[in-house]
């Protein structure tokens, strides 16, 4: 059972979804065929909350992990690794 919103033109997002695609879908639903009014999307988010701290930790972990990978696959001497020559 879905939500029927034939006259909605305001979307209020109170809390962050873990999947940004869900937020985009909620906003796009208000931009439905036949909509004649301007659609307004409002995002309300508290600062210094657990969600913000959690997202910052995840971002930092990803950055550290990606930096480690780049450091491992980058050669200082400019030689091409044997793995790449085997692909030719």
PDB file of N, CA and C in Angstrom:
ATOM      1  N   UNK A   1       0.860  -1.160   0.000  1.00  0.00           N
ATOM      2  CA  UNK A   1       0.000   0.000   0.000  1.00  0.00           C
ATOM      3  C   UNK A   1       0.906   1.221   0.000  1.00  0.00           C
ATOM      4  N   UNK A   2       0.746   2.077  -0.985  1.00  0.00           N
ATOM      5  CA  UNK A   2       1.564   3.282  -1.091  1.00  0.00           C
ATOM      6  C   UNK A   2       0.810   4.512  -0.633  1.00  0.00           C
ATOM      7  N   UNK A   3       1.503   5.602  -0.588  1.00  0.00           N
ATOM      8  CA  UNK A   3       0.928   6.867  -0.183  1.00  0.00           C
ATOM      9  C   UNK A   3       0.405   7.582  -1.423  1.00  0.00           C
ATOM     10  N   UNK A   4      -0.849   7.980  -1.414  1.00  0.00           N
ATOM     11  CA  UNK A   4      -1.456   8.672  -2.541  1.00  0.00           C
ATOM     12  C   UNK A   4      -1.383  10.175  -2.277  1.00  0.00           C
ATOM     13  N   UNK A   5      -0.617  10.886  -3.095  1.00  0.00           N
ATOM     14  CA  UNK A   5      -0.419  12.312  -2.866  1.00  0.00           C
ATOM     15  C   UNK A   5      -0.791  13.117  -4.114  1.00  0.00           C
ATOM     16  N   UNK A   6      -2.067  13.162  -4.478  1.00  0.00           N
ATOM     17  CA  UNK A   6      -2.439  13.843  -5.711  1.00  0.00           C
ATOM     18  C   UNK A   6      -2.295  15.361  -5.666  1.00  0.00           C
ATOM     19  N   UNK A   7      -2.279  15.971  -4.497  1.00  0.00           N
ATOM     20  CA  UNK A   7      -2.220  17.431  -4.427  1.00  0.00           C
ATOM     21  C   UNK A   7      -0.978  17.952  -3.725  1.00  0.00           C
ATOM     22  N   UNK A   8      -0.040  17.113  -3.420  1.00  0.00           N
ATOM     23  CA  UNK A   8       1.147  17.538  -2.666  1.00  0.00           C
ATOM     24  C   UNK A   8       2.095  18.344  -3.540  1.00  0.00           C
ATOM     25  N   UNK A   9       2.616  19.440  -2.986  1.00  0.00           N
ATOM     26  CA  UNK A   9       3.644  20.200  -3.687  1.00  0.00           C
ATOM     27  C   UNK A   9       4.782  20.597  -2.740  1.00  0.00           C
ATOM     28  N   UNK A  10       4.750  20.097  -1.497  1.00  0.00           N
ATOM     29  CA  UNK A  10       5.813  20.356  -0.532  1.00  0.00           C
ATOM     30  C   UNK A  10       6.328  19.013  -0.006  1.00  0.00           C
ATOM     31  N   UNK A  11       7.638  18.842  -0.053  1.00  0.00           N
ATOM     32  CA  UNK A  11       8.271  17.634   0.475  1.00  0.00           C
ATOM     33  C   UNK A  11       9.173  18.075   1.629  1.00  0.00           C
ATOM     34  N   UNK A  12       8.942  17.523   2.809  1.00  0.00           N
ATOM     35  CA  UNK A  12       9.760  17.855   3.976  1.00  0.00           C
ATOM     36  C   UNK A  12      10.518  16.603   4.399  1.00  0.00           C
ATOM     37  N   UNK A  13      11.834  16.692   4.366  1.00  0.00           N
ATOM     38  CA  UNK A  13      12.697  15.593   4.774  1.00  0.00           C
ATOM     39  C   UNK A  13      13.237  15.933   6.164  1.00  0.00           C
ATOM     40  N   UNK A  14      12.784  15.205   7.177  1.00  0.00           N
ATOM     41  CA  UNK A  14      13.162  15.501   8.557  1.00  0.00           C
ATOM     42  C   UNK A  14      14.487  14.875   8.960  1.00  0.00           C
ATOM     43  N   UNK A  15      14.700  13.655   8.562  1.00  0.00           N
ATOM     44  CA  UNK A  15      15.921  12.955   8.955  1.00  0.00           C
ATOM     45  C   UNK A  15      16.606  12.406   7.731  1.00  0.00           C
ATOM     46  N   UNK A  16      17.910  12.246   7.793  1.00  0.00           N
ATOM     47  CA  UNK A  16      18.621  11.725   6.629  1.00  0.00           C
ATOM     48  C   UNK A  16      18.351  10.235   6.425  1.00  0.00           C
ATOM     49  N   UNK A  17      18.086   9.853   5.200  1.00  0.00           N
ATOM     50  CA  UNK A  17      17.962   8.440   4.853  1.00  0.00           C
ATOM     51  C   UNK A  17      19.357   7.914   4.608  1.00  0.00           C
ATOM     52  N   UNK A  18      19.545   6.651   4.845  1.00  0.00           N
ATOM     53  CA  UNK A  18      20.854   6.054   4.618  1.00  0.00           C
ATOM     54  C   UNK A  18      21.108   5.891   3.134  1.00  0.00           C
ATOM     55  N   UNK A  19      20.043   5.862   2.357  1.00  0.00           N
ATOM     56  CA  UNK A  19      20.189   5.765   0.903  1.00  0.00           C
ATOM     57  C   UNK A  19      19.641   7.047   0.292  1.00  0.00           C
ATOM     58  N   UNK A  20      20.520   7.823  -0.334  1.00  0.00           N
ATOM     59  CA  UNK A  20      20.109   9.110  -0.897  1.00  0.00           C
ATOM     60  C   UNK A  20      19.104   8.941  -2.030  1.00  0.00           C
ATOM     61  N   UNK A  21      19.096   7.782  -2.678  1.00  0.00           N
ATOM     62  CA  UNK A  21      18.126   7.526  -3.757  1.00  0.00           C
ATOM     63  C   UNK A  21      16.700   7.585  -3.231  1.00  0.00           C
ATOM     64  N   UNK A  22      16.476   7.217  -1.977  1.00  0.00           N
ATOM     65  CA  UNK A  22      15.131   7.263  -1.402  1.00  0.00           C
ATOM     66  C   UNK A  22      14.676   8.707  -1.233  1.00  0.00           C
ATOM     67  N   UNK A  23      15.600   9.573  -0.843  1.00  0.00           N
ATOM     68  CA  UNK A  23      15.263  10.991  -0.726  1.00  0.00           C
ATOM     69  C   UNK A  23      14.922  11.558  -2.096  1.00  0.00           C
ATOM     70  N   UNK A  24      15.716  11.230  -3.103  1.00  0.00           N
ATOM     71  CA  UNK A  24      15.461  11.713  -4.454  1.00  0.00           C
ATOM     72  C   UNK A  24      14.109  11.220  -4.964  1.00  0.00           C
ATOM     73  N   UNK A  25      13.758   9.978  -4.652  1.00  0.00           N
ATOM     74  CA  UNK A  25      12.483   9.431  -5.082  1.00  0.00           C
ATOM     75  C   UNK A  25      11.325  10.180  -4.424  1.00  0.00           C
ATOM     76  N   UNK A  26      11.451  10.524  -3.163  1.00  0.00           N
ATOM     77  CA  UNK A  26      10.395  11.259  -2.465  1.00  0.00           C
ATOM     78  C   UNK A  26      10.171  12.626  -3.109  1.00  0.00           C
ATOM     79  N   UNK A  27      11.244  13.287  -3.491  1.00  0.00           N
ATOM     80  CA  UNK A  27      11.129  14.594  -4.136  1.00  0.00           C
ATOM     81  C   UNK A  27      10.550  14.452  -5.539  1.00  0.00           C
ATOM     82  N   UNK A  28      10.994  13.450  -6.279  1.00  0.00           N
ATOM     83  CA  UNK A  28      10.503  13.254  -7.650  1.00  0.00           C
ATOM     84  C   UNK A  28       9.030  12.882  -7.701  1.00  0.00           C
ATOM     85  N   UNK A  29       8.523  12.247  -6.652  1.00  0.00           N
ATOM     86  CA  UNK A  29       7.104  11.885  -6.633  1.00  0.00           C
ATOM     87  C   UNK A  29       6.218  13.122  -6.642  1.00  0.00           C
ATOM     88  N   UNK A  30       6.696  14.209  -6.040  1.00  0.00           N
ATOM     89  CA  UNK A  30       5.925  15.450  -6.060  1.00  0.00           C
ATOM     90  C   UNK A  30       5.970  16.106  -7.439  1.00  0.00           C
ATOM     91  N   UNK A  31       6.991  15.793  -8.235  1.00  0.00           N
ATOM     92  CA  UNK A  31       7.110  16.285  -9.609  1.00  0.00           C
ATOM     93  C   UNK A  31       6.435  15.298 -10.557  1.00  0.00           C
ATOM     94  N   UNK A  32       5.205  14.986 -10.309  1.00  0.00           N
ATOM     95  CA  UNK A  32       4.503  13.990 -11.109  1.00  0.00           C
ATOM     96  C   UNK A  32       3.874  14.642 -12.336  1.00  0.00           C
ATOM     97  N   UNK A  33       3.478  13.858 -13.327  1.00  0.00           N
ATOM     98  CA  UNK A  33       2.785  14.408 -14.495  1.00  0.00           C
ATOM     99  C   UNK A  33       1.487  15.093 -14.060  1.00  0.00           C
ATOM    100  N   UNK A  34       1.221  16.249 -14.612  1.00  0.00           N
ATOM    101  CA  UNK A  34       0.022  16.994 -14.271  1.00  0.00           C
ATOM    102  C   UNK A  34       0.212  17.992 -13.151  1.00  0.00           C
ATOM    103  N   UNK A  35       1.379  18.015 -12.547  1.00  0.00           N
ATOM    104  CA  UNK A  35       1.645  18.979 -11.467  1.00  0.00           C
ATOM    105  C   UNK A  35       1.751  20.370 -12.075  1.00  0.00           C
ATOM    106  N   UNK A  36       0.932  21.289 -11.599  1.00  0.00           N
ATOM    107  CA  UNK A  36       0.943  22.651 -12.133  1.00  0.00           C
ATOM    108  C   UNK A  36       1.548  23.645 -11.152  1.00  0.00           C
ATOM    109  N   UNK A  37       1.649  23.266  -9.881  1.00  0.00           N
ATOM    110  CA  UNK A  37       2.203  24.167  -8.874  1.00  0.00           C
ATOM    111  C   UNK A  37       3.703  23.938  -8.702  1.00  0.00           C
ATOM    112  N   UNK A  38       4.375  24.947  -8.184  1.00  0.00           N
ATOM    113  CA  UNK A  38       5.799  24.830  -7.891  1.00  0.00           C
ATOM    114  C   UNK A  38       5.996  23.846  -6.736  1.00  0.00           C
ATOM    115  N   UNK A  39       6.964  22.964  -6.885  1.00  0.00           N
ATOM    116  CA  UNK A  39       7.259  21.971  -5.851  1.00  0.00           C
ATOM    117  C   UNK A  39       8.399  22.483  -4.983  1.00  0.00           C
ATOM    118  N   UNK A  40       8.217  22.406  -3.675  1.00  0.00           N
ATOM    119  CA  UNK A  40       9.213  22.878  -2.719  1.00  0.00           C
ATOM    120  C   UNK A  40       9.704  21.681  -1.903  1.00  0.00           C
ATOM    121  N   UNK A  41      11.021  21.522  -1.833  1.00  0.00           N
ATOM    122  CA  UNK A  41      11.618  20.458  -1.018  1.00  0.00           C
ATOM    123  C   UNK A  41      12.397  21.116   0.119  1.00  0.00           C
ATOM    124  N   UNK A  42      12.073  20.732   1.343  1.00  0.00           N
ATOM    125  CA  UNK A  42      12.712  21.296   2.531  1.00  0.00           C
ATOM    126  C   UNK A  42      13.432  20.167   3.256  1.00  0.00           C
ATOM    127  N   UNK A  43      14.697  20.389   3.575  1.00  0.00           N
ATOM    128  CA  UNK A  43      15.475  19.388   4.312  1.00  0.00           C
ATOM    129  C   UNK A  43      15.842  19.965   5.673  1.00  0.00           C
ATOM    130  N   UNK A  44      15.417  19.294   6.717  1.00  0.00           N
ATOM    131  CA  UNK A  44      15.724  19.733   8.079  1.00  0.00           C
ATOM    132  C   UNK A  44      16.669  18.713   8.692  1.00  0.00           C
ATOM    133  N   UNK A  45      17.792  19.214   9.226  1.00  0.00           N
ATOM    134  CA  UNK A  45      18.773  18.308   9.807  1.00  0.00           C
ATOM    135  C   UNK A  45      19.408  18.968  11.021  1.00  0.00           C
ATOM    136  N   UNK A  46      19.549  18.224  12.076  1.00  0.00           N
ATOM    137  CA  UNK A  46      20.186  18.727  13.297  1.00  0.00           C
ATOM    138  C   UNK A  46      21.696  18.641  13.151  1.00  0.00           C
ATOM    139  N   UNK A  47      22.376  19.635  13.680  1.00  0.00           N
ATOM    140  CA  UNK A  47      23.837  19.625  13.672  1.00  0.00           C
ATOM    141  C   UNK A  47      24.361  18.935  14.927  1.00  0.00           C
ATOM    142  N   UNK A  48      25.561  18.399  14.820  1.00  0.00           N
ATOM    143  CA  UNK A  48      26.244  17.737  15.943  1.00  0.00           C
ATOM    144  C   UNK A  48      25.414  16.588  16.524  1.00  0.00           C
ATOM    145  N   UNK A  49      24.799  15.817  15.667  1.00  0.00           N
ATOM    146  CA  UNK A  49      24.032  14.666  16.141  1.00  0.00           C
ATOM    147  C   UNK A  49      24.795  13.382  15.812  1.00  0.00           C
ATOM    148  N   UNK A  50      24.270  12.273  16.285  1.00  0.00           N
ATOM    149  CA  UNK A  50      24.952  10.987  16.078  1.00  0.00           C
ATOM    150  C   UNK A  50      25.047  10.631  14.602  1.00  0.00           C
ATOM    151  N   UNK A  51      24.025  10.974  13.831  1.00  0.00           N
ATOM    152  CA  UNK A  51      24.033  10.631  12.413  1.00  0.00           C
ATOM    153  C   UNK A  51      25.160  11.363  11.697  1.00  0.00           C
ATOM    154  N   UNK A  52      25.320  12.635  11.999  1.00  0.00           N
ATOM    155  CA  UNK A  52      26.383  13.427  11.383  1.00  0.00           C
ATOM    156  C   UNK A  52      27.759  12.870  11.758  1.00  0.00           C
ATOM    157  N   UNK A  53      27.929  12.501  13.011  1.00  0.00           N
ATOM    158  CA  UNK A  53      29.193  11.922  13.480  1.00  0.00           C
ATOM    159  C   UNK A  53      29.463  10.590  12.790  1.00  0.00           C
ATOM    160  N   UNK A  54      28.418   9.768  12.646  1.00  0.00           N
ATOM    161  CA  UNK A  54      28.553   8.471  11.995  1.00  0.00           C
ATOM    162  C   UNK A  54      28.964   8.644  10.535  1.00  0.00           C
ATOM    163  N   UNK A  55      28.295   9.567   9.831  1.00  0.00           N
ATOM    164  CA  UNK A  55      28.641   9.798   8.424  1.00  0.00           C
ATOM    165  C   UNK A  55      30.083  10.295   8.278  1.00  0.00           C
ATOM    166  N   UNK A  56      30.527  11.135   9.196  1.00  0.00           N
ATOM    167  CA  UNK A  56      31.905  11.637   9.146  1.00  0.00           C
ATOM    168  C   UNK A  56      32.900  10.497   9.346  1.00  0.00           C
ATOM    169  N   UNK A  57      32.604   9.583  10.267  1.00  0.00           N
ATOM    170  CA  UNK A  57      33.495   8.438  10.495  1.00  0.00           C
ATOM    171  C   UNK A  57      33.561   7.547   9.259  1.00  0.00           C
ATOM    172  N   UNK A  58      32.418   7.285   8.646  1.00  0.00           N
ATOM    173  CA  UNK A  58      32.391   6.459   7.429  1.00  0.00           C
ATOM    174  C   UNK A  58      33.179   7.139   6.319  1.00  0.00           C
ATOM    175  N   UNK A  59      32.987   8.454   6.146  1.00  0.00           N
ATOM    176  CA  UNK A  59      33.716   9.198   5.120  1.00  0.00           C
ATOM    177  C   UNK A  59      35.212   9.105   5.357  1.00  0.00           C
ATOM    178  N   UNK A  60      35.645   9.259   6.606  1.00  0.00           N
ATOM    179  CA  UNK A  60      37.071   9.188   6.935  1.00  0.00           C
ATOM    180  C   UNK A  60      37.639   7.792   6.699  1.00  0.00           C
ATOM    181  N   UNK A  61      36.868   6.751   7.033  1.00  0.00           N
ATOM    182  CA  UNK A  61      37.314   5.375   6.791  1.00  0.00           C
ATOM    183  C   UNK A  61      37.492   5.115   5.302  1.00  0.00           C
ATOM    184  N   UNK A  62      36.529   5.586   4.497  1.00  0.00           N
ATOM    185  CA  UNK A  62      36.619   5.395   3.045  1.00  0.00           C
ATOM    186  C   UNK A  62      37.835   6.119   2.484  1.00  0.00           C
ATOM    187  N   UNK A  63      38.067   7.341   2.957  1.00  0.00           N
ATOM    188  CA  UNK A  63      39.216   8.107   2.481  1.00  0.00           C
ATOM    189  C   UNK A  63      40.526   7.398   2.829  1.00  0.00           C
ATOM    190  N   UNK A  64      40.633   6.905   4.055  1.00  0.00           N
ATOM    191  CA  UNK A  64      41.849   6.203   4.490  1.00  0.00           C
ATOM    192  C   UNK A  64      42.055   4.937   3.663  1.00  0.00           C
ATOM    193  N   UNK A  65      40.972   4.183   3.434  1.00  0.00           N
ATOM    194  CA  UNK A  65      41.053   2.945   2.659  1.00  0.00           C
ATOM    195  C   UNK A  65      41.480   3.248   1.218  1.00  0.00           C
ATOM    196  N   UNK A  66      40.846   4.241   0.592  1.00  0.00           N
ATOM    197  CA  UNK A  66      41.179   4.585  -0.788  1.00  0.00           C
ATOM    198  C   UNK A  66      42.604   5.102  -0.910  1.00  0.00           C
ATOM    199  N   UNK A  67      43.055   5.864   0.072  1.00  0.00           N
ATOM    200  CA  UNK A  67      44.430   6.364   0.048  1.00  0.00           C
ATOM    201  C   UNK A  67      45.432   5.217   0.130  1.00  0.00           C
ATOM    202  N   UNK A  68      45.115   4.218   0.950  1.00  0.00           N
ATOM    203  CA  UNK A  68      45.990   3.051   1.077  1.00  0.00           C
ATOM    204  C   UNK A  68      46.079   2.304  -0.244  1.00  0.00           C
ATOM    205  N   UNK A  69      44.957   2.127  -0.908  1.00  0.00           N
ATOM    206  CA  UNK A  69      44.952   1.421  -2.194  1.00  0.00           C
ATOM    207  C   UNK A  69      45.764   2.180  -3.223  1.00  0.00           C
ATOM    208  N   UNK A  70      45.535   3.480  -3.328  1.00  0.00           N
ATOM    209  CA  UNK A  70      46.269   4.287  -4.309  1.00  0.00           C
ATOM    210  C   UNK A  70      47.766   4.248  -4.021  1.00  0.00           C
ATOM    211  N   UNK A  71      48.139   4.327  -2.754  1.00  0.00           N
ATOM    212  CA  UNK A  71      49.554   4.280  -2.380  1.00  0.00           C
ATOM    213  C   UNK A  71      50.168   2.941  -2.776  1.00  0.00           C
ATOM    214  N   UNK A  72      49.431   1.842  -2.633  1.00  0.00           N
ATOM    215  CA  UNK A  72      49.962   0.517  -2.944  1.00  0.00           C
ATOM    216  C   UNK A  72      50.127   0.292  -4.444  1.00  0.00           C
ATOM    217  N   UNK A  73      49.242   0.866  -5.249  1.00  0.00           N
ATOM    218  CA  UNK A  73      49.320   0.601  -6.695  1.00  0.00           C
ATOM    219  C   UNK A  73      50.136   1.653  -7.449  1.00  0.00           C
ATOM    220  N   UNK A  74      50.592   2.699  -6.762  1.00  0.00           N
ATOM    221  CA  UNK A  74      51.385   3.740  -7.404  1.00  0.00           C
ATOM    222  C   UNK A  74      52.864   3.425  -7.226  1.00  0.00           C
ATOM    223  N   UNK A  75      53.579   3.390  -8.340  1.00  0.00           N
ATOM    224  CA  UNK A  75      55.012   3.102  -8.299  1.00  0.00           C
ATOM    225  C   UNK A  75      55.787   4.404  -8.204  1.00  0.00           C
ATOM    226  N   UNK A  76      56.817   4.407  -7.390  1.00  0.00           N
ATOM    227  CA  UNK A  76      57.642   5.600  -7.217  1.00  0.00           C
ATOM    228  C   UNK A  76      58.655   5.748  -8.359  1.00  0.00           C
ATOM    229  N   UNK A  77      59.077   4.624  -8.943  1.00  0.00           N
ATOM    230  CA  UNK A  77      60.126   4.662  -9.965  1.00  0.00           C
ATOM    231  C   UNK A  77      59.592   4.853 -11.376  1.00  0.00           C
ATOM    232  N   UNK A  78      58.279   4.867 -11.569  1.00  0.00           N
ATOM    233  CA  UNK A  78      57.708   5.102 -12.881  1.00  0.00           C
ATOM    234  C   UNK A  78      57.597   3.863 -13.751  1.00  0.00           C
ATOM    235  N   UNK A  79      58.080   2.704 -13.291  1.00  0.00           N
ATOM    236  CA  UNK A  79      57.960   1.477 -14.072  1.00  0.00           C
ATOM    237  C   UNK A  79      56.511   1.004 -14.083  1.00  0.00           C
ATOM    238  N   UNK A  80      56.145   0.360 -15.154  1.00  0.00           N
ATOM    239  CA  UNK A  80      54.807  -0.216 -15.251  1.00  0.00           C
ATOM    240  C   UNK A  80      54.839  -1.580 -14.573  1.00  0.00           C
ATOM    241  N   UNK A  81      53.922  -1.860 -13.665  1.00  0.00           N
ATOM    242  CA  UNK A  81      53.904  -3.166 -13.015  1.00  0.00           C
ATOM    243  C   UNK A  81      53.702  -4.289 -14.035  1.00  0.00           C
ATOM    244  N   UNK A  82      54.255  -5.453 -13.756  1.00  0.00           N
ATOM    245  CA  UNK A  82      54.151  -6.590 -14.665  1.00  0.00           C
ATOM    246  C   UNK A  82      52.710  -6.995 -14.923  1.00  0.00           C
ATOM    247  N   UNK A  83      51.868  -6.765 -13.969  1.00  0.00           N
ATOM    248  CA  UNK A  83      50.455  -7.133 -14.127  1.00  0.00           C
ATOM    249  C   UNK A  83      49.868  -6.427 -15.333  1.00  0.00           C
ATOM    250  N   UNK A  84      50.213  -5.148 -15.538  1.00  0.00           N
ATOM    251  CA  UNK A  84      49.646  -4.390 -16.641  1.00  0.00           C
ATOM    252  C   UNK A  84      50.226  -4.832 -17.985  1.00  0.00           C
ATOM    253  N   UNK A  85      51.485  -5.254 -18.023  1.00  0.00           N
ATOM    254  CA  UNK A  85      52.064  -5.683 -19.291  1.00  0.00           C
ATOM    255  C   UNK A  85      51.501  -7.026 -19.709  1.00  0.00           C
ATOM    256  N   UNK A  86      51.057  -7.833 -18.747  1.00  0.00           N
ATOM    257  CA  UNK A  86      50.467  -9.127 -19.083  1.00  0.00           C
ATOM    258  C   UNK A  86      49.102  -8.986 -19.769  1.00  0.00           C
ATOM    259  N   UNK A  87      48.465  -7.847 -19.604  1.00  0.00           N
ATOM    260  CA  UNK A  87      47.128  -7.650 -20.171  1.00  0.00           C
ATOM    261  C   UNK A  87      47.194  -7.318 -21.656  1.00  0.00           C
ATOM    262  N   UNK A  88      48.317  -6.890 -22.149  1.00  0.00           N
ATOM    263  CA  UNK A  88      48.426  -6.484 -23.556  1.00  0.00           C
ATOM    264  C   UNK A  88      48.477  -7.671 -24.486  1.00  0.00           C
TER     265      UNK A  88
END
